[in-house]
Amino acid sequence: MTGHEDDRPVHLALNSGIPLAATDGGWWFVFQTGTPVLQKYDRLGQLQFERHIEGRELDDLVGRLPTTWLRRRTDEGEVAIVAPTVRSAAVDRAGHVWIAFVVPYTYVFDSDGDRVRSVQFRAAGLVNPNSLFFGPTGRALVTPGLYEFAAP
């Protein structure tokens, strides 16, 4: 429930996200817009738990989330412009979920959905990941810049 079921474009936008394969055969779902939320499903598709993602690094971002959205006309009608709160997400080889936000912080969660650390990537300055990938060596590959980091 988004509270915006009467506004289909907003409701759909607030239910968009990033599905990720879990190491146990289930999957994770990271909501990409609105209040940051992480869900875990088992291999049969049953919801195991849901975590609202909070932290002092996100307080200002969440506090400024809109309750109404600008609209844009297209050839197919009017669409709501709903900005993301999450830029990227990935699962590392140990099964940790990494979530990069639009603010320059990435949170890491264990398989129980508990946050285990906050990370800031620094290369040629602070890097705010557009994408995260974990290679066969377990090191994190981050764009923009295709920087490689040791996964803590």
C-alpha atoms as a PDB file:
ATOM      1  CA  MET A   1       0.000   0.000   0.000  1.00  0.00           C
ATOM      2  CA  THR A   2       1.438   3.330  -1.052  1.00  0.00           C
ATOM      3  CA  GLY A   3      -1.440   5.578  -0.023  1.00  0.00           C
ATOM      4  CA  HIS A   4      -1.611   6.683  -3.669  1.00  0.00           C
ATOM      5  CA  GLU A   5      -3.685   3.868  -5.150  1.00  0.00           C
ATOM      6  CA  ASP A   6      -6.062   6.462  -6.634  1.00  0.00           C
ATOM      7  CA  ASP A   7      -3.175   7.908  -8.713  1.00  0.00           C
ATOM      8  CA  ARG A   8      -1.997   5.004 -10.873  1.00  0.00           C
ATOM      9  CA  PRO A   9       1.260   6.559 -12.214  1.00  0.00           C
ATOM     10  CA  VAL A  10       2.397   7.549  -8.699  1.00  0.00           C
ATOM     11  CA  HIS A  11       1.312   4.203  -7.244  1.00  0.00           C
ATOM     12  CA  LEU A  12       3.279   2.325  -9.918  1.00  0.00           C
ATOM     13  CA  ALA A  13       6.331   4.547  -9.444  1.00  0.00           C
ATOM     14  CA  LEU A  14       6.289   4.008  -5.668  1.00  0.00           C
ATOM     15  CA  ASN A  15       6.154   0.240  -6.264  1.00  0.00           C
ATOM     16  CA  SER A  16       9.098   0.167  -8.681  1.00  0.00           C
ATOM     17  CA  GLY A  17      12.328  -1.352  -7.561  1.00  0.00           C
ATOM     18  CA  ILE A  18      15.318  -3.581  -8.080  1.00  0.00           C
ATOM     19  CA  PRO A  19      14.929  -7.370  -7.761  1.00  0.00           C
ATOM     20  CA  LEU A  20      18.086  -9.191  -6.669  1.00  0.00           C
ATOM     21  CA  ALA A  21      18.853 -12.918  -6.505  1.00  0.00           C
ATOM     22  CA  ALA A  22      19.636 -14.049  -2.952  1.00  0.00           C
ATOM     23  CA  THR A  23      22.312 -16.641  -2.266  1.00  0.00           C
ATOM     24  CA  ASP A  24      19.728 -18.957  -0.634  1.00  0.00           C
ATOM     25  CA  GLY A  25      17.599 -19.256  -3.796  1.00  0.00           C
ATOM     26  CA  GLY A  26      15.125 -16.560  -2.797  1.00  0.00           C
ATOM     27  CA  TRP A  27      15.307 -12.935  -3.750  1.00  0.00           C
ATOM     28  CA  TRP A  28      15.447  -9.419  -2.432  1.00  0.00           C
ATOM     29  CA  PHE A  29      13.403  -6.460  -3.593  1.00  0.00           C
ATOM     30  CA  VAL A  30      14.711  -2.924  -3.060  1.00  0.00           C
ATOM     31  CA  PHE A  31      12.113  -0.183  -3.579  1.00  0.00           C
ATOM     32  CA  GLN A  32      13.678   2.525  -5.723  1.00  0.00           C
ATOM     33  CA  THR A  33      11.373   5.466  -4.947  1.00  0.00           C
ATOM     34  CA  GLY A  34       9.679   6.843  -1.861  1.00  0.00           C
ATOM     35  CA  THR A  35      10.671   5.727   1.624  1.00  0.00           C
ATOM     36  CA  PRO A  36      13.545   3.237   1.272  1.00  0.00           C
ATOM     37  CA  VAL A  37      12.343  -0.334   1.896  1.00  0.00           C
ATOM     38  CA  LEU A  38      14.013  -3.747   1.580  1.00  0.00           C
ATOM     39  CA  GLN A  39      11.988  -6.963   1.276  1.00  0.00           C
ATOM     40  CA  LYS A  40      13.166 -10.594   1.391  1.00  0.00           C
ATOM     41  CA  TYR A  41      11.280 -13.439  -0.346  1.00  0.00           C
ATOM     42  CA  ASP A  42      11.932 -17.170  -0.121  1.00  0.00           C
ATOM     43  CA  ARG A  43      12.371 -19.394  -3.179  1.00  0.00           C
ATOM     44  CA  LEU A  44       8.589 -19.971  -3.316  1.00  0.00           C
ATOM     45  CA  GLY A  45       7.869 -16.243  -3.458  1.00  0.00           C
ATOM     46  CA  GLN A  46       6.618 -15.885   0.111  1.00  0.00           C
ATOM     47  CA  LEU A  47       7.515 -12.620   1.837  1.00  0.00           C
ATOM     48  CA  GLN A  48       9.905 -13.388   4.705  1.00  0.00           C
ATOM     49  CA  PHE A  49      10.307  -9.862   6.060  1.00  0.00           C
ATOM     50  CA  GLU A  50      10.303  -6.183   5.204  1.00  0.00           C
ATOM     51  CA  ARG A  51      12.694  -3.566   6.554  1.00  0.00           C
ATOM     52  CA  HIS A  52      12.196   0.181   6.395  1.00  0.00           C
ATOM     53  CA  ILE A  53      15.667   1.550   5.826  1.00  0.00           C
ATOM     54  CA  GLU A  54      16.631   4.325   8.200  1.00  0.00           C
ATOM     55  CA  GLY A  55      19.787   6.097   9.236  1.00  0.00           C
ATOM     56  CA  ARG A  56      21.049   9.569  10.009  1.00  0.00           C
ATOM     57  CA  GLU A  57      22.579   9.772   6.522  1.00  0.00           C
ATOM     58  CA  LEU A  58      19.087   9.361   5.038  1.00  0.00           C
ATOM     59  CA  ASP A  59      17.081  11.489   7.493  1.00  0.00           C
ATOM     60  CA  ASP A  60      17.176  14.662   5.392  1.00  0.00           C
ATOM     61  CA  LEU A  61      16.396  12.783   2.161  1.00  0.00           C
ATOM     62  CA  VAL A  62      13.402  10.975   3.681  1.00  0.00           C
ATOM     63  CA  GLY A  63      12.239  14.153   5.420  1.00  0.00           C
ATOM     64  CA  ARG A  64      12.063  15.932   2.054  1.00  0.00           C
ATOM     65  CA  LEU A  65      10.086  13.238   0.230  1.00  0.00           C
ATOM     66  CA  PRO A  66       7.131  14.836  -1.552  1.00  0.00           C
ATOM     67  CA  THR A  67       3.466  14.036  -1.046  1.00  0.00           C
ATOM     68  CA  THR A  68       2.502  15.492  -4.427  1.00  0.00           C
ATOM     69  CA  TRP A  69       4.407  15.197  -7.695  1.00  0.00           C
ATOM     70  CA  LEU A  70       4.993  17.347 -10.727  1.00  0.00           C
ATOM     71  CA  ARG A  71       3.337  16.078 -13.884  1.00  0.00           C
ATOM     72  CA  ARG A  72       4.533  15.974 -17.456  1.00  0.00           C
ATOM     73  CA  ARG A  73       2.430  15.607 -20.547  1.00  0.00           C
ATOM     74  CA  THR A  74       3.506  13.042 -23.105  1.00  0.00           C
ATOM     75  CA  ASP A  75       1.939  11.712 -26.304  1.00  0.00           C
ATOM     76  CA  GLU A  76       0.431   8.936 -24.205  1.00  0.00           C
ATOM     77  CA  GLY A  77      -1.012  11.153 -21.471  1.00  0.00           C
ATOM     78  CA  GLU A  78       0.187  12.656 -18.241  1.00  0.00           C
ATOM     79  CA  VAL A  79       2.879  11.061 -16.081  1.00  0.00           C
ATOM     80  CA  ALA A  80       4.022  11.869 -12.586  1.00  0.00           C
ATOM     81  CA  ILE A  81       7.684  12.720 -12.096  1.00  0.00           C
ATOM     82  CA  VAL A  82       8.781  10.634  -9.118  1.00  0.00           C
ATOM     83  CA  ALA A  83      12.475  10.936  -8.274  1.00  0.00           C
ATOM     84  CA  PRO A  84      14.311   7.855  -6.990  1.00  0.00           C
ATOM     85  CA  THR A  85      15.786   7.506  -3.500  1.00  0.00           C
ATOM     86  CA  VAL A  86      17.891   4.474  -4.479  1.00  0.00           C
ATOM     87  CA  ARG A  87      20.426   4.588  -7.322  1.00  0.00           C
ATOM     88  CA  SER A  88      21.600   0.994  -7.361  1.00  0.00           C
ATOM     89  CA  ALA A  89      21.657  -2.275  -5.427  1.00  0.00           C
ATOM     90  CA  ALA A  90      23.577  -5.558  -5.609  1.00  0.00           C
ATOM     91  CA  VAL A  91      24.271  -8.737  -3.647  1.00  0.00           C
ATOM     92  CA  ASP A  92      27.874  -9.683  -2.894  1.00  0.00           C
ATOM     93  CA  ARG A  93      29.246 -13.244  -2.810  1.00  0.00           C
ATOM     94  CA  ALA A  94      28.695 -13.456   0.969  1.00  0.00           C
ATOM     95  CA  GLY A  95      24.983 -12.692   0.496  1.00  0.00           C
ATOM     96  CA  HIS A  96      25.108  -9.100   1.760  1.00  0.00           C
ATOM     97  CA  VAL A  97      22.775  -6.617   0.080  1.00  0.00           C
ATOM     98  CA  TRP A  98      24.394  -3.319  -0.892  1.00  0.00           C
ATOM     99  CA  ILE A  99      22.063  -0.365  -1.496  1.00  0.00           C
ATOM    100  CA  ALA A 100      23.418   2.888  -2.967  1.00  0.00           C
ATOM    101  CA  PHE A 101      21.207   5.928  -2.355  1.00  0.00           C
ATOM    102  CA  VAL A 102      20.936   9.245  -4.195  1.00  0.00           C
ATOM    103  CA  VAL A 103      22.867  10.743  -1.288  1.00  0.00           C
ATOM    104  CA  PRO A 104      26.510   9.546  -1.321  1.00  0.00           C
ATOM    105  CA  TYR A 105      26.042   6.621   1.071  1.00  0.00           C
ATOM    106  CA  THR A 106      25.736   2.903   0.501  1.00  0.00           C
ATOM    107  CA  TYR A 107      24.237   0.691   3.202  1.00  0.00           C
ATOM    108  CA  VAL A 108      25.168  -2.984   3.543  1.00  0.00           C
ATOM    109  CA  PHE A 109      22.680  -5.488   4.989  1.00  0.00           C
ATOM    110  CA  ASP A 110      23.212  -9.073   6.147  1.00  0.00           C
ATOM    111  CA  SER A 111      20.976 -11.993   5.177  1.00  0.00           C
ATOM    112  CA  ASP A 112      18.597 -11.151   8.052  1.00  0.00           C
ATOM    113  CA  GLY A 113      18.043  -7.658   6.661  1.00  0.00           C
ATOM    114  CA  ASP A 114      20.032  -5.973   9.432  1.00  0.00           C
ATOM    115  CA  ARG A 115      22.328  -3.126   8.449  1.00  0.00           C
ATOM    116  CA  VAL A 116      25.929  -4.033   9.142  1.00  0.00           C
ATOM    117  CA  ARG A 117      27.699  -0.949   7.788  1.00  0.00           C
ATOM    118  CA  SER A 118      27.526   2.315   5.895  1.00  0.00           C
ATOM    119  CA  VAL A 119      30.033   2.904   3.118  1.00  0.00           C
ATOM    120  CA  GLN A 120      31.225   5.920   1.162  1.00  0.00           C
ATOM    121  CA  PHE A 121      33.268   5.200  -1.945  1.00  0.00           C
ATOM    122  CA  ARG A 122      36.218   7.516  -2.533  1.00  0.00           C
ATOM    123  CA  ALA A 123      38.245   7.486  -5.743  1.00  0.00           C
ATOM    124  CA  ALA A 124      38.832  10.714  -7.690  1.00  0.00           C
ATOM    125  CA  GLY A 125      36.619  12.318  -5.054  1.00  0.00           C
ATOM    126  CA  LEU A 126      33.431  10.967  -3.561  1.00  0.00           C
ATOM    127  CA  VAL A 127      31.756   8.418  -5.879  1.00  0.00           C
ATOM    128  CA  ASN A 128      27.983   8.051  -5.754  1.00  0.00           C
ATOM    129  CA  PRO A 129      27.399   4.662  -7.468  1.00  0.00           C
ATOM    130  CA  ASN A 130      25.132   4.407 -10.503  1.00  0.00           C
ATOM    131  CA  SER A 131      25.778   0.678 -10.473  1.00  0.00           C
ATOM    132  CA  LEU A 132      27.411  -1.904  -8.227  1.00  0.00           C
ATOM    133  CA  PHE A 133      28.802  -5.271  -9.277  1.00  0.00           C
ATOM    134  CA  PHE A 134      30.788  -7.917  -7.442  1.00  0.00           C
ATOM    135  CA  GLY A 135      33.297  -9.816  -9.561  1.00  0.00           C
ATOM    136  CA  PRO A 136      34.619 -13.338  -9.032  1.00  0.00           C
ATOM    137  CA  THR A 137      37.271 -12.043  -6.631  1.00  0.00           C
ATOM    138  CA  GLY A 138      34.564 -10.487  -4.435  1.00  0.00           C
ATOM    139  CA  ARG A 139      35.772  -6.950  -5.090  1.00  0.00           C
ATOM    140  CA  ALA A 140      33.170  -4.257  -5.739  1.00  0.00           C
ATOM    141  CA  LEU A 141      33.106  -2.624  -9.166  1.00  0.00           C
ATOM    142  CA  VAL A 142      31.442   0.792  -9.076  1.00  0.00           C
ATOM    143  CA  THR A 143      30.400   3.181 -11.821  1.00  0.00           C
ATOM    144  CA  PRO A 144      30.753   5.964 -12.800  1.00  0.00           C
ATOM    145  CA  GLY A 145      34.453   5.535 -13.319  1.00  0.00           C
ATOM    146  CA  LEU A 146      34.552   1.721 -13.115  1.00  0.00           C
ATOM    147  CA  TYR A 147      36.477   1.873  -9.857  1.00  0.00           C
ATOM    148  CA  GLU A 148      37.346  -1.296  -8.001  1.00  0.00           C
ATOM    149  CA  PHE A 149      37.117  -1.491  -4.200  1.00  0.00           C
ATOM    150  CA  ALA A 150      37.794  -4.170  -1.629  1.00  0.00           C
ATOM    151  CA  ALA A 151      34.446  -5.191  -0.156  1.00  0.00           C
ATOM    152  CA  PRO A 152      34.717  -4.578   3.595  1.00  0.00           C
END
